[in-house]
Structure formats: C-alpha cells, structure tokens
C-alpha atoms as a PDB file:
ATOM      1  CA  MET A   1     -31.817  -3.796 -19.606  1.00  0.00           C
ATOM      2  CA  ALA A   2     -28.516  -5.918 -19.308  1.00  0.00           C
ATOM      3  CA  ARG A   3     -26.804  -6.097 -16.040  1.00  0.00           C
ATOM      4  CA  SER A   4     -23.170  -4.997 -15.870  1.00  0.00           C
ATOM      5  CA  SER A   5     -22.284  -8.094 -14.079  1.00  0.00           C
ATOM      6  CA  ASP A   6     -23.069 -10.213 -17.172  1.00  0.00           C
ATOM      7  CA  ASP A   7     -20.770  -7.814 -19.426  1.00  0.00           C
ATOM      8  CA  PRO A   8     -17.627  -9.692 -19.921  1.00  0.00           C
ATOM      9  CA  VAL A   9     -15.703  -6.578 -20.023  1.00  0.00           C
ATOM     10  CA  VAL A  10     -16.773  -5.414 -16.316  1.00  0.00           C
ATOM     11  CA  ARG A  11     -16.331  -9.141 -15.293  1.00  0.00           C
ATOM     12  CA  SER A  12     -12.694  -9.053 -16.192  1.00  0.00           C
ATOM     13  CA  CYS A  13     -12.044  -5.560 -14.965  1.00  0.00           C
ATOM     14  CA  ARG A  14     -13.564  -6.462 -11.735  1.00  0.00           C
ATOM     15  CA  GLN A  15     -11.271  -9.824 -11.467  1.00  0.00           C
ATOM     16  CA  GLN A  16      -8.055  -7.993 -12.577  1.00  0.00           C
ATOM     17  CA  ILE A  17      -9.235  -5.035  -9.764  1.00  0.00           C
ATOM     18  CA  ALA A  18      -9.899  -7.935  -7.279  1.00  0.00           C
ATOM     19  CA  GLY A  19      -6.518  -9.553  -7.601  1.00  0.00           C
ATOM     20  CA  LEU A  20      -4.651  -6.642  -7.569  1.00  0.00           C
ATOM     21  CA  ASP A  21      -6.188  -5.543  -4.206  1.00  0.00           C
ATOM     22  CA  ARG A  22      -5.200  -8.211  -2.928  1.00  0.00           C
ATOM     23  CA  ARG A  23      -1.686  -7.823  -3.904  1.00  0.00           C
ATOM     24  CA  ILE A  24      -1.781  -4.134  -2.358  1.00  0.00           C
ATOM     25  CA  LEU A  25      -3.036  -5.887   0.903  1.00  0.00           C
ATOM     26  CA  GLU A  26      -0.334  -8.346   1.040  1.00  0.00           C
ATOM     27  CA  ALA A  27       2.274  -5.551   0.538  1.00  0.00           C
ATOM     28  CA  LEU A  28       0.722  -3.496   3.024  1.00  0.00           C
ATOM     29  CA  ASN A  29       0.941  -6.078   5.903  1.00  0.00           C
ATOM     30  CA  LEU A  30       4.466  -7.111   4.705  1.00  0.00           C
ATOM     31  CA  ARG A  31       4.799  -3.216   4.792  1.00  0.00           C
ATOM     32  CA  ILE A  32       3.536  -3.503   8.281  1.00  0.00           C
ATOM     33  CA  ASP A  33       5.725  -6.453   9.810  1.00  0.00           C
ATOM     34  CA  LEU A  34       8.860  -4.592   8.002  1.00  0.00           C
ATOM     35  CA  VAL A  35       7.786  -1.987  10.048  1.00  0.00           C
ATOM     36  CA  LYS A  36       7.467  -3.250  13.338  1.00  0.00           C
ATOM     37  CA  ARG A  37      10.901  -5.235  13.093  1.00  0.00           C
ATOM     38  CA  LEU A  38      12.072  -1.882  12.331  1.00  0.00           C
ATOM     39  CA  LYS A  39      10.713  -0.614  15.645  1.00  0.00           C
ATOM     40  CA  VAL A  40      12.166  -3.124  17.804  1.00  0.00           C
ATOM     41  CA  HIS A  41      15.581  -2.908  16.248  1.00  0.00           C
ATOM     42  CA  LYS A  42      15.504   0.794  16.907  1.00  0.00           C
ATOM     43  CA  GLU A  43      14.216   0.355  20.140  1.00  0.00           C
ATOM     44  CA  ALA A  44      17.050  -2.151  21.034  1.00  0.00           C
ATOM     45  CA  GLN A  45      19.229   0.420  20.227  1.00  0.00           C
ATOM     46  CA  GLY A  46      18.206   3.054  21.721  1.00  0.00           C
ATOM     47  CA  LEU A  47      17.204   5.289  18.359  1.00  0.00           C
ATOM     48  CA  ALA A  48      14.155   7.155  18.062  1.00  0.00           C
ATOM     49  CA  PHE A  49      11.605   5.261  16.010  1.00  0.00           C
ATOM     50  CA  HIS A  50       9.709   8.196  14.203  1.00  0.00           C
ATOM     51  CA  ASP A  51      11.659  10.020  11.593  1.00  0.00           C
ATOM     52  CA  PRO A  52       9.820  12.752  10.110  1.00  0.00           C
ATOM     53  CA  ALA A  53      12.674  13.955   8.203  1.00  0.00           C
ATOM     54  CA  GLN A  54      12.791  10.265   6.536  1.00  0.00           C
ATOM     55  CA  GLU A  55       8.935  10.261   6.047  1.00  0.00           C
ATOM     56  CA  GLU A  56       9.423  13.275   3.969  1.00  0.00           C
ATOM     57  CA  ARG A  57      12.283  11.886   1.947  1.00  0.00           C
ATOM     58  CA  LEU A  58      10.231   8.729   1.195  1.00  0.00           C
ATOM     59  CA  LEU A  59       7.257  10.942   0.406  1.00  0.00           C
ATOM     60  CA  ASP A  60       9.509  13.475  -1.929  1.00  0.00           C
ATOM     61  CA  GLN A  61      11.143   9.978  -3.577  1.00  0.00           C
ATOM     62  CA  LEU A  62       7.738   8.385  -4.285  1.00  0.00           C
ATOM     63  CA  CYS A  63       6.169  11.609  -5.716  1.00  0.00           C
ATOM     64  CA  ARG A  64       8.888  11.488  -8.278  1.00  0.00           C
ATOM     65  CA  ALA A  65       8.461   7.986  -9.248  1.00  0.00           C
ATOM     66  CA  ASN A  66       4.855   8.090  -9.790  1.00  0.00           C
ATOM     67  CA  GLY A  67       4.065   7.761 -13.339  1.00  0.00           C
ATOM     68  CA  GLY A  68       0.480   8.445 -12.456  1.00  0.00           C
ATOM     69  CA  PRO A  69      -2.877   9.021 -13.015  1.00  0.00           C
ATOM     70  CA  LEU A  70      -2.281   9.188  -9.509  1.00  0.00           C
ATOM     71  CA  SER A  71      -1.654  12.680  -8.387  1.00  0.00           C
ATOM     72  CA  GLU A  72       0.873  14.121  -6.278  1.00  0.00           C
ATOM     73  CA  GLU A  73      -1.578  14.759  -3.840  1.00  0.00           C
ATOM     74  CA  GLY A  74      -3.049  11.570  -4.322  1.00  0.00           C
ATOM     75  CA  VAL A  75       0.090   9.903  -3.667  1.00  0.00           C
ATOM     76  CA  ARG A  76       0.982  12.008  -0.686  1.00  0.00           C
ATOM     77  CA  THR A  77      -2.931  11.381   1.154  1.00  0.00           C
ATOM     78  CA  ILE A  78      -2.390   7.639   0.750  1.00  0.00           C
ATOM     79  CA  PHE A  79       1.004   7.197   1.820  1.00  0.00           C
ATOM     80  CA  ARG A  80       0.843   9.329   5.048  1.00  0.00           C
ATOM     81  CA  LEU A  81      -2.275   7.227   5.828  1.00  0.00           C
ATOM     82  CA  ILE A  82      -0.253   4.029   5.255  1.00  0.00           C
ATOM     83  CA  LEU A  83       2.776   5.763   7.430  1.00  0.00           C
ATOM     84  CA  GLU A  84       0.325   6.232  10.219  1.00  0.00           C
ATOM     85  CA  TRP A  85      -1.133   2.671  10.209  1.00  0.00           C
ATOM     86  CA  GLY A  86       2.454   1.476  10.280  1.00  0.00           C
ATOM     87  CA  LYS A  87       3.151   3.228  13.377  1.00  0.00           C
ATOM     88  CA  ARG A  88       0.482   1.639  15.396  1.00  0.00           C
ATOM     89  CA  ASP A  89       1.110  -0.980  17.431  1.00  0.00           C
END
C-alpha cells in the first residue's frame, strides 16, 4: 500500500497549505503589532481601548466580504479568537 506522503498531489497540497499557514501566521503577528500600537496611542489620548461596537462592525464587514467556503459562524468564531488574542499584553 502506498503512503500518502509519496503521492505528488498530497505533497503539493501540503506544501501549499504550509505556505498559506506561514502567511496567516505572519499576518496575525502583524495584526497584533498594530493592535498594540493602537492601544498605546488610545491610552496616550485617554481613549478606551476596547470598543465592542467596532468589533461587531468588523465582524459584520468580514462576514459580508467572505466568499466561502468558510461559513459565517466560522468567520465569527475565528475572528473573535483573533480579537481576543489581540487584546492580550
């Protein structure tokens, strides 16, 4: 029986997935850096950091922009997690 790692389609898909995973990781780290920058600025201006209304607007915009196959529930779940991690110090 052949191993899946010997299959050229499997290897190609895995390589592409790994590349996308690295791009996602890079984007997440860039996002967290920007959120930290925003937090410092808002604190210096005496503004509240957490803005629940802005988070809901963002989630709504992302759901409208989503072309699938990720479901709206998936978009909201993933981005709520991203938003939560972005608020950590």
